[in-house]
Amino acid sequence: MIDNKKISKFAISVVDDLQKNNFQAYLVGGCVRDALSGIEPKDFDIATNATPEQVRKIFKASRIIGKRFRLVHVFNRSELLEVATFRSGDNDKNDPDNLITDSSGKIIRDNIWGTLEQDCKRRDFTVNALYYCPISKKIEDYNNGLKHIHKKIIVSIGDPQRRFEEDPVRSLRAIRFSNKLNFKIDNPIKDAIYDKGHLLSNISNARMFDEFCKIFLNGMGEKNFIKLCSFNLNKYLIISRPEKNDFSNDVILQALKNTDDRVKNQQSITPGFLMAALLWPTLLEKCSRDGEINIRKFFRSMDGVLRNQQKLTAVPRKFSSYIKDIWILQLKLHSRIGSQPYKTLRHPRFRAAYDFLLVRERAANDKNGLGKWWTDFQKNDDSLRGSIIAQMKEKNDEESSKKFGFYNELR
C-alpha cells in the first residue's frame, strides 16, 4: 500500500535499529497520511515504546529535547528525525511531574508513557493516527483512519469540542489539512471550530507564529486564508481586517498568490515579506487621510502596527527590520531623479520591495504604473538607464512640487 522507495532510507534504518533492540517502532503521522493520499511524504516522525533515555543509548548521533513533550532528535549528515515515545494520554494519573494541565484542560507537560493503543487516542485526527512499519509493511489503524482517507474527510479522535479545548490550535490544523489533502471537514469539527475558535487568543504568540508559517508558507496560503475567513479565524493570525471586495483584501490575496507561486516554483520565501504585505493595509489606514499619506504618521505608525501584530504572532527581530525596510522602500521607489534609482537598486531589500510593488499594482489592476518603470530600468544597460532617467526627470520635478500628492500611488 505504501511504496518504501518514497520513504527516507534513514527513517527506515532508525525503525529497524529500534526493532532490533526489541522495541516497537513505527513511522507515524503526516508522512503516512501523505503517502496514502498520493502526496510526496516528508517529515518522517517515528513513534516507539522506547523511552527517550533508551533511544538515546541506541543512537549516538541524538539528543533529548523538550519539556512539555520530551522526545529525541536522531540525525545524520543530511537528515533529522523526531523519535517520540508512546504516551498514555491518561489525565487521571496522579503524576504532577509528568502531566500538568491548565484550567482549560490544555496540556502543559505530558510525559506519561503508554502503549501504541493509548498513543493513537491522543492524536488529533484519525488520518494522523496511522502507524506504518516499513519493515513488515503493515499499518496499525485503531481509529478508521484508512476509511476516512478513502472517504476524504477530516474526523476528530474523540469529541472535538473537548479536544479543541485541550489544544485550540487543532482548529487551524483542521483547516490546513483539509486544504492540503483536499478533504472535507467533518461537521462536528466545524461546530467545534465555531464554538472554540476564540480560545486561540490564549495561545502563545510564538506558537501562533509557527502556525502562521505553516498556514501561509506551504503553497496553499490563499486557500487557507479564504477558509480562515469563512470560520472568522483570520483575526487570530493577522491584525488586518479587510472588507470583502475591498482593495485591502485584494492586496492580501495577491500577496498570498505571489507566495504560493514562489513555493510551487521552488523560489525562496520568507515570513517577513508576507507579513509586510499582509500588514500594509493596516499601516495605510493609520497614516492616510482623504486619500493622501501623511509621511510623519507613516514612519511613526510602523512600530505600532508591528507591536499590535506581536500580540497575535511573534515577529522575530530580524523580520521586524526587514518589514520596515520594505515599507520605507515603497516611498523611495517613487524617487527616480539623478542617481537615486541606482542607490535604491543597491539596497539589500530592493528586490523584495520591488516584488511587493508589483503585488500592489496587480491588486489595483495597474499594468503601466511604477512597477513597469522599475522593470524596464533593471532590464536596460547603464546608457539606456540614463536615457530613462532623463525622460522621467521633467515629470518627476513637476510631481515633487506637490507636497505629498505622489504618495497617492502607494494606495
Protein backbone atom coordinates (compact mmCIF):
# COMPACT_ATOMS: atom_id res chain seq x y z
CA MET A 1 0.00 0.00 0.00
CA ILE A 2 2.93 2.34 0.73
CA ASP A 3 5.96 2.35 -1.56
CA ASN A 4 9.08 2.23 0.62
CA LYS A 5 11.03 3.92 -2.18
CA LYS A 6 9.25 7.13 -1.16
CA ILE A 7 10.28 6.69 2.45
CA SER A 8 13.56 8.08 3.78
CA LYS A 9 16.17 5.33 3.96
CA PHE A 10 17.46 6.89 7.17
CA ALA A 11 13.99 6.73 8.73
CA ILE A 12 13.66 3.07 7.78
CA SER A 13 17.07 2.34 9.31
CA VAL A 14 16.10 4.04 12.60
CA VAL A 15 12.90 1.99 12.80
CA ASP A 16 14.91 -1.14 12.02
CA ASP A 17 17.51 -0.41 14.71
CA LEU A 18 14.83 0.17 17.35
CA GLN A 19 13.12 -3.10 16.47
CA LYS A 20 16.42 -4.98 16.57
CA ASN A 21 16.77 -3.71 20.13
CA ASN A 22 13.40 -5.32 20.95
CA PHE A 23 11.32 -2.14 20.86
CA GLN A 24 8.20 -1.35 18.88
CA ALA A 25 8.76 1.36 16.26
CA TYR A 26 6.61 2.86 13.52
CA LEU A 27 6.51 5.76 11.13
CA VAL A 28 3.55 7.88 12.18
CA GLY A 29 1.54 10.96 11.35
CA GLY A 30 1.91 13.17 8.32
CA CYS A 31 4.33 11.04 6.33
CA VAL A 32 1.98 8.02 6.48
CA ARG A 33 -1.10 10.14 5.80
CA ASP A 34 0.51 11.87 2.81
CA ALA A 35 1.90 8.66 1.32
CA LEU A 36 -1.59 7.13 1.42
CA SER A 37 -3.13 10.29 -0.05
CA GLY A 38 -0.84 10.45 -3.08
CA ILE A 39 1.33 13.27 -1.71
CA GLU A 40 5.14 13.06 -1.54
CA PRO A 41 5.82 12.26 2.14
CA LYS A 42 8.13 14.48 4.20
CA ASP A 43 8.99 14.92 7.88
CA PHE A 44 9.35 11.28 8.84
CA ASP A 45 8.33 11.10 12.50
CA ILE A 46 8.80 7.88 14.47
CA ALA A 47 6.83 6.56 17.45
CA THR A 48 8.20 3.86 19.76
CA ASN A 49 7.71 2.29 23.19
CA ALA A 50 11.37 3.02 24.00
CA THR A 51 11.82 5.88 26.46
CA PRO A 52 13.89 8.92 25.42
CA GLU A 53 16.80 7.65 27.51
CA GLN A 54 16.64 4.24 25.81
CA VAL A 55 16.52 5.81 22.35
CA ARG A 56 19.48 8.00 23.26
CA LYS A 57 21.54 4.93 24.19
CA ILE A 58 20.86 3.27 20.84
CA PHE A 59 21.78 6.24 18.64
CA LYS A 60 25.00 8.09 19.33
CA ALA A 61 24.02 10.94 17.00
CA SER A 62 20.98 12.01 19.01
CA ARG A 63 19.82 14.37 21.72
CA ILE A 64 16.83 14.57 24.06
CA ILE A 65 14.81 17.77 23.70
CA GLY A 66 11.63 19.31 25.06
CA LYS A 67 9.97 19.85 28.40
CA ARG A 68 6.25 19.65 27.66
CA PHE A 69 6.87 16.71 25.31
CA ARG A 70 10.23 15.03 25.78
CA LEU A 71 11.43 13.37 22.59
CA VAL A 72 14.66 12.55 20.80
CA HIS A 73 16.23 14.07 17.71
CA VAL A 74 18.18 11.43 15.80
CA PHE A 75 20.30 12.80 12.99
CA ASN A 76 22.89 12.10 10.34
CA ARG A 77 24.69 14.48 7.98
CA SER A 78 21.61 15.36 5.96
CA GLU A 79 18.51 14.44 7.97
CA LEU A 80 16.98 14.97 11.40
CA LEU A 81 14.20 12.70 12.67
CA GLU A 82 11.92 13.08 15.68
CA VAL A 83 11.51 9.92 17.74
CA ALA A 84 8.68 10.15 20.28
CA THR A 85 7.73 7.67 23.00
CA PHE A 86 4.14 6.37 23.10
CA ARG A 87 2.11 8.41 25.57
CA SER A 88 -0.88 7.30 27.57
CA GLY A 89 -2.96 10.47 27.49
CA ASP A 90 -4.49 9.37 30.81
CA ASN A 91 -5.33 12.63 32.56
CA ASP A 92 -6.45 10.82 35.71
CA LYS A 93 -2.99 9.61 36.68
CA ASN A 94 -1.67 11.39 39.73
CA ASP A 95 1.76 12.31 38.43
CA PRO A 96 2.30 16.08 38.75
CA ASP A 97 5.86 15.84 37.48
CA ASN A 98 4.84 14.36 34.14
CA LEU A 99 1.29 15.53 33.38
CA ILE A 100 0.24 19.12 34.06
CA THR A 101 -2.79 20.85 32.57
CA ASP A 102 -4.15 24.37 32.97
CA SER A 103 -7.70 25.34 33.96
CA SER A 104 -8.99 24.90 30.40
CA GLY A 105 -7.56 21.40 30.10
CA LYS A 106 -4.68 22.39 27.82
CA ILE A 107 -1.69 20.12 28.35
CA ILE A 108 1.34 21.98 29.68
CA ARG A 109 3.55 18.98 30.36
CA ASP A 110 2.88 15.39 29.26
CA ASN A 111 5.50 12.69 29.69
CA ILE A 112 3.44 9.73 30.88
CA TRP A 113 4.49 6.80 28.72
CA GLY A 114 1.93 4.37 27.35
CA THR A 115 1.14 1.78 24.71
CA LEU A 116 0.53 2.07 20.98
CA GLU A 117 -3.22 1.77 21.58
CA GLN A 118 -3.13 4.60 24.12
CA ASP A 119 -0.88 6.78 22.00
CA CYS A 120 -3.19 6.72 18.98
CA LYS A 121 -6.07 8.07 21.10
CA ARG A 122 -4.05 11.19 21.93
CA ARG A 123 -3.68 12.27 18.31
CA ASP A 124 -5.91 14.93 16.87
CA PHE A 125 -7.46 13.44 13.71
CA THR A 126 -7.95 9.89 12.52
CA VAL A 127 -5.91 10.46 9.35
CA ASN A 128 -2.93 11.40 11.55
CA ALA A 129 -3.20 8.29 13.75
CA LEU A 130 -1.86 5.71 11.30
CA TYR A 131 1.28 3.78 12.27
CA TYR A 132 3.32 2.20 9.48
CA CYS A 133 6.08 -0.38 9.87
CA PRO A 134 8.35 -0.16 6.81
CA ILE A 135 9.94 -3.49 7.74
CA SER A 136 6.76 -5.61 7.77
CA LYS A 137 4.86 -3.10 5.58
CA LYS A 138 1.86 -3.29 7.90
CA ILE A 139 -0.32 -0.37 9.03
CA GLU A 140 -1.80 -0.13 12.51
CA ASP A 141 -5.15 1.69 12.40
CA TYR A 142 -7.26 1.93 15.56
CA ASN A 143 -9.45 4.90 14.53
CA ASN A 144 -10.66 4.12 10.99
CA GLY A 145 -8.07 6.46 9.54
CA LEU A 146 -7.76 4.39 6.35
CA LYS A 147 -11.52 4.57 5.87
CA HIS A 148 -11.53 8.34 6.31
CA ILE A 149 -8.64 8.79 3.88
CA HIS A 150 -10.65 6.77 1.35
CA LYS A 151 -13.70 8.98 2.04
CA LYS A 152 -11.52 12.11 2.00
CA ILE A 153 -12.77 13.56 5.27
CA ILE A 154 -11.10 15.04 8.38
CA VAL A 155 -12.55 13.38 11.50
CA SER A 156 -11.63 14.08 15.13
CA ILE A 157 -10.45 11.40 17.53
CA GLY A 158 -12.87 11.84 20.41
CA ASP A 159 -15.24 14.74 20.96
CA PRO A 160 -13.83 17.72 19.03
CA GLN A 161 -15.37 20.18 21.50
CA ARG A 162 -13.26 18.67 24.27
CA ARG A 163 -10.20 18.08 22.09
CA PHE A 164 -10.17 21.70 20.86
CA GLU A 165 -10.42 22.90 24.45
CA GLU A 166 -7.29 20.89 25.22
CA ASP A 167 -5.49 22.42 22.26
CA PRO A 168 -7.26 25.22 20.31
CA VAL A 169 -4.60 25.11 17.55
CA ARG A 170 -6.38 21.98 16.29
CA SER A 171 -8.88 24.38 14.68
CA LEU A 172 -6.09 25.75 12.48
CA ARG A 173 -4.69 22.28 11.81
CA ALA A 174 -8.09 21.01 10.61
CA ILE A 175 -8.30 23.84 8.10
CA ARG A 176 -4.73 23.36 6.92
CA PHE A 177 -5.08 19.60 6.47
CA SER A 178 -8.40 19.87 4.66
CA ASN A 179 -6.89 22.19 2.04
CA LYS A 180 -3.61 20.30 1.75
CA LEU A 181 -5.35 16.94 1.24
CA ASN A 182 -8.45 18.34 -0.49
CA PHE A 183 -10.56 16.64 2.21
CA LYS A 184 -13.85 17.80 3.68
CA ILE A 185 -14.10 18.75 7.35
CA ASP A 186 -16.47 16.62 9.41
CA ASN A 187 -19.48 18.61 10.66
CA PRO A 188 -18.73 18.09 14.40
CA ILE A 189 -15.27 19.60 13.77
CA LYS A 190 -16.84 22.59 12.01
CA ASP A 191 -19.08 23.14 15.03
CA ALA A 192 -16.08 22.92 17.36
CA ILE A 193 -14.16 25.47 15.27
CA TYR A 194 -17.02 27.95 15.59
CA ASP A 195 -17.53 27.22 19.29
CA LYS A 196 -13.90 27.01 20.44
CA GLY A 197 -12.07 29.23 17.96
CA HIS A 198 -11.96 32.08 20.48
CA LEU A 199 -9.58 30.01 22.62
CA LEU A 200 -6.84 30.75 20.07
CA SER A 201 -6.43 34.10 21.82
CA ASN A 202 -4.89 32.17 24.75
CA ILE A 203 -2.15 30.55 22.65
CA SER A 204 1.38 31.97 22.92
CA ASN A 205 2.41 34.32 20.13
CA ALA A 206 5.49 32.15 19.46
CA ARG A 207 3.35 29.12 18.70
CA MET A 208 0.95 31.22 16.63
CA PHE A 209 3.88 32.49 14.56
CA ASP A 210 4.79 28.87 13.91
CA GLU A 211 1.21 28.22 12.76
CA PHE A 212 1.30 31.40 10.66
CA CYS A 213 4.28 30.00 8.75
CA LYS A 214 2.70 26.57 8.32
CA ILE A 215 -0.58 28.02 7.07
CA PHE A 216 0.70 30.74 4.74
CA LEU A 217 4.09 29.47 3.55
CA ASN A 218 3.14 25.97 2.41
CA GLY A 219 1.94 26.79 -1.12
CA MET A 220 -1.74 26.98 -0.16
CA GLY A 221 -1.79 30.30 1.65
CA GLU A 222 -4.58 31.82 -0.43
CA LYS A 223 -6.94 28.86 0.06
CA ASN A 224 -6.10 28.70 3.75
CA PHE A 225 -6.77 32.43 4.19
CA ILE A 226 -10.16 32.19 2.49
CA LYS A 227 -11.18 29.26 4.69
CA LEU A 228 -9.86 31.01 7.81
CA CYS A 229 -12.06 33.99 6.95
CA SER A 230 -15.09 31.70 6.48
CA PHE A 231 -14.61 30.49 10.08
CA ASN A 232 -13.67 34.01 11.30
CA LEU A 233 -10.26 32.78 12.50
CA ASN A 234 -8.09 35.10 10.38
CA LYS A 235 -8.28 37.70 13.16
CA TYR A 236 -6.15 35.46 15.40
CA LEU A 237 -3.27 35.45 12.91
CA ILE A 238 -3.39 38.87 11.20
CA ILE A 239 -4.43 42.24 12.61
CA SER A 240 -5.64 43.45 9.17
CA ARG A 241 -9.42 43.44 8.84
CA PRO A 242 -10.05 43.88 5.09
CA GLU A 243 -13.64 44.21 3.95
CA LYS A 244 -14.95 41.93 1.24
CA ASN A 245 -14.07 43.18 -2.28
CA ASP A 246 -12.04 45.99 -0.72
CA PHE A 247 -8.65 46.93 -2.21
CA SER A 248 -7.02 45.87 1.06
CA ASN A 249 -8.40 42.37 0.61
CA ASP A 250 -7.05 42.32 -2.96
CA VAL A 251 -3.56 43.25 -1.73
CA ILE A 252 -3.63 40.41 0.81
CA LEU A 253 -4.87 37.87 -1.73
CA GLN A 254 -2.30 38.96 -4.33
CA ALA A 255 0.48 38.68 -1.75
CA LEU A 256 -0.66 35.18 -0.85
CA LYS A 257 -0.88 34.20 -4.53
CA ASN A 258 2.63 35.52 -5.06
CA THR A 259 3.94 33.45 -2.13
CA ASP A 260 2.07 30.33 -3.32
CA ASP A 261 3.59 30.72 -6.79
CA ARG A 262 7.08 31.06 -5.34
CA VAL A 263 6.60 27.88 -3.29
CA LYS A 264 5.42 25.97 -6.38
CA ASN A 265 8.37 27.31 -8.40
CA GLN A 266 10.78 26.38 -5.58
CA GLN A 267 11.82 30.00 -5.11
CA SER A 268 12.89 31.44 -1.77
CA ILE A 269 10.18 32.69 0.59
CA THR A 270 10.28 34.50 3.91
CA PRO A 271 7.66 35.31 6.55
CA GLY A 272 9.00 38.87 6.56
CA PHE A 273 7.86 39.64 3.03
CA LEU A 274 4.41 38.13 3.51
CA MET A 275 3.89 39.88 6.83
CA ALA A 276 4.91 43.21 5.28
CA ALA A 277 2.26 42.69 2.61
CA LEU A 278 -0.47 41.50 4.96
CA LEU A 279 0.07 44.42 7.35
CA TRP A 280 0.37 47.08 4.62
CA PRO A 281 -3.39 47.88 4.57
CA THR A 282 -3.33 48.44 8.33
CA LEU A 283 -0.31 50.76 8.05
CA LEU A 284 -2.03 52.81 5.33
CA GLU A 285 -5.17 53.05 7.43
CA LYS A 286 -3.12 54.52 10.29
CA CYS A 287 -1.45 57.24 8.23
CA SER A 288 -3.89 58.10 5.42
CA ARG A 289 -6.39 60.92 5.32
CA ASP A 290 -8.54 61.98 2.38
CA GLY A 291 -6.63 59.66 0.11
CA GLU A 292 -3.19 61.06 0.98
CA ILE A 293 -0.33 59.67 3.03
CA ASN A 294 0.92 61.67 5.99
CA ILE A 295 4.65 60.94 5.87
CA ARG A 296 5.26 61.64 9.55
CA LYS A 297 2.42 59.37 10.59
CA PHE A 298 3.71 56.75 8.16
CA PHE A 299 7.04 56.47 9.95
CA ARG A 300 5.53 56.83 13.40
CA SER A 301 2.92 54.12 12.76
CA MET A 302 5.28 51.35 11.65
CA ASP A 303 6.37 50.25 15.12
CA GLY A 304 2.81 50.46 16.43
CA VAL A 305 1.50 48.19 13.68
CA LEU A 306 4.24 45.65 14.41
CA ARG A 307 3.56 45.81 18.15
CA ASN A 308 -0.12 45.07 17.57
CA GLN A 309 0.77 42.13 15.33
CA GLN A 310 3.18 40.93 18.02
CA LYS A 311 0.19 40.41 20.31
CA LEU A 312 -1.11 37.77 17.89
CA THR A 313 2.03 36.22 16.47
CA ALA A 314 5.65 36.66 17.39
CA VAL A 315 7.56 38.89 14.96
CA PRO A 316 11.25 37.94 15.26
CA ARG A 317 13.56 40.95 15.37
CA LYS A 318 15.25 40.08 12.07
CA PHE A 319 11.85 40.21 10.37
CA SER A 320 10.84 43.50 12.01
CA SER A 321 13.68 45.40 10.34
CA TYR A 322 13.06 43.52 7.09
CA ILE A 323 9.37 44.51 7.11
CA LYS A 324 10.12 48.18 7.81
CA ASP A 325 12.72 48.27 5.03
CA ILE A 326 10.13 47.02 2.53
CA TRP A 327 7.62 49.63 3.69
CA ILE A 328 10.10 52.52 3.52
CA LEU A 329 11.28 51.45 0.09
CA GLN A 330 7.72 51.78 -1.20
CA LEU A 331 8.28 55.52 -0.74
CA LYS A 332 11.81 55.54 -2.13
CA LEU A 333 10.73 53.71 -5.29
CA HIS A 334 8.92 56.91 -6.27
CA SER A 335 12.17 58.89 -6.38
CA ARG A 336 13.64 58.46 -9.87
CA ILE A 337 15.75 61.61 -10.22
CA GLY A 338 19.51 61.66 -10.83
CA SER A 339 21.43 58.88 -9.10
CA GLN A 340 18.62 57.98 -6.68
CA PRO A 341 17.37 54.97 -8.71
CA TYR A 342 20.89 53.46 -8.57
CA LYS A 343 21.03 53.93 -4.79
CA THR A 344 17.63 52.31 -4.41
CA LEU A 345 18.65 49.47 -6.69
CA ARG A 346 21.66 48.72 -4.46
CA HIS A 347 19.55 48.46 -1.31
CA PRO A 348 19.70 44.89 0.06
CA ARG A 349 15.89 44.80 0.31
CA PHE A 350 15.28 46.26 -3.15
CA ARG A 351 14.17 43.01 -4.75
CA ALA A 352 11.63 42.29 -2.03
CA ALA A 353 10.32 45.87 -2.18
CA TYR A 354 10.09 45.69 -5.98
CA ASP A 355 8.17 42.41 -5.77
CA PHE A 356 5.75 43.97 -3.30
CA LEU A 357 5.30 46.97 -5.59
CA LEU A 358 4.21 44.56 -8.34
CA VAL A 359 1.84 42.84 -5.90
CA ARG A 360 0.20 46.18 -5.05
CA GLU A 361 -0.16 47.12 -8.70
CA ARG A 362 -1.70 43.76 -9.60
CA ALA A 363 -4.20 44.32 -6.80
CA ALA A 364 -5.01 47.73 -8.31
CA ASN A 365 -5.02 46.29 -11.86
CA ASP A 366 -2.37 48.87 -12.81
CA LYS A 367 -0.31 47.43 -15.68
CA ASN A 368 1.60 50.57 -16.65
CA GLY A 369 2.49 52.07 -13.31
CA LEU A 370 5.68 52.50 -11.34
CA GLY A 371 6.40 48.78 -11.46
CA LYS A 372 6.80 48.85 -15.24
CA TRP A 373 9.30 51.67 -14.96
CA TRP A 374 11.42 49.74 -12.47
CA THR A 375 11.14 46.58 -14.55
CA ASP A 376 12.46 48.44 -17.61
CA PHE A 377 15.14 50.14 -15.54
CA GLN A 378 16.50 46.80 -14.35
CA LYS A 379 16.48 45.34 -17.88
CA ASN A 380 18.36 48.17 -19.60
CA ASP A 381 22.11 48.73 -19.52
CA ASP A 382 23.68 51.83 -17.97
CA SER A 383 23.47 54.01 -21.09
CA LEU A 384 19.80 53.28 -21.61
CA ARG A 385 19.10 53.75 -17.91
CA GLY A 386 20.48 57.27 -18.20
CA SER A 387 18.04 57.91 -21.03
CA ILE A 388 15.12 56.57 -19.00
CA ILE A 389 16.03 58.79 -16.04
CA ALA A 390 16.29 61.84 -18.29
CA GLN A 391 12.86 61.14 -19.74
CA MET A 392 11.37 60.92 -16.27
CA LYS A 393 13.14 63.98 -14.80
CA GLU A 394 10.76 66.62 -16.08
CA LYS A 395 7.69 64.69 -14.95
CA ASN A 396 9.20 63.99 -11.53
CA ASP A 397 10.11 67.66 -10.99
CA GLU A 398 6.51 68.60 -11.60
CA GLU A 399 5.20 65.86 -9.31
CA SER A 400 7.62 66.68 -6.49
CA SER A 401 6.27 70.23 -6.34
CA LYS A 402 3.09 68.78 -4.87
CA LYS A 403 3.83 68.20 -1.21
CA PHE A 404 2.54 64.65 -0.76
CA GLY A 405 0.44 64.11 -3.88
CA PHE A 406 2.56 61.42 -5.46
CA TYR A 407 2.18 59.22 -2.40
CA ASN A 408 -1.40 58.54 -3.51
CA GLU A 409 0.18 55.95 -5.78
CA LEU A 410 1.02 53.94 -2.67
CA ARG A 411 -2.63 53.02 -2.36
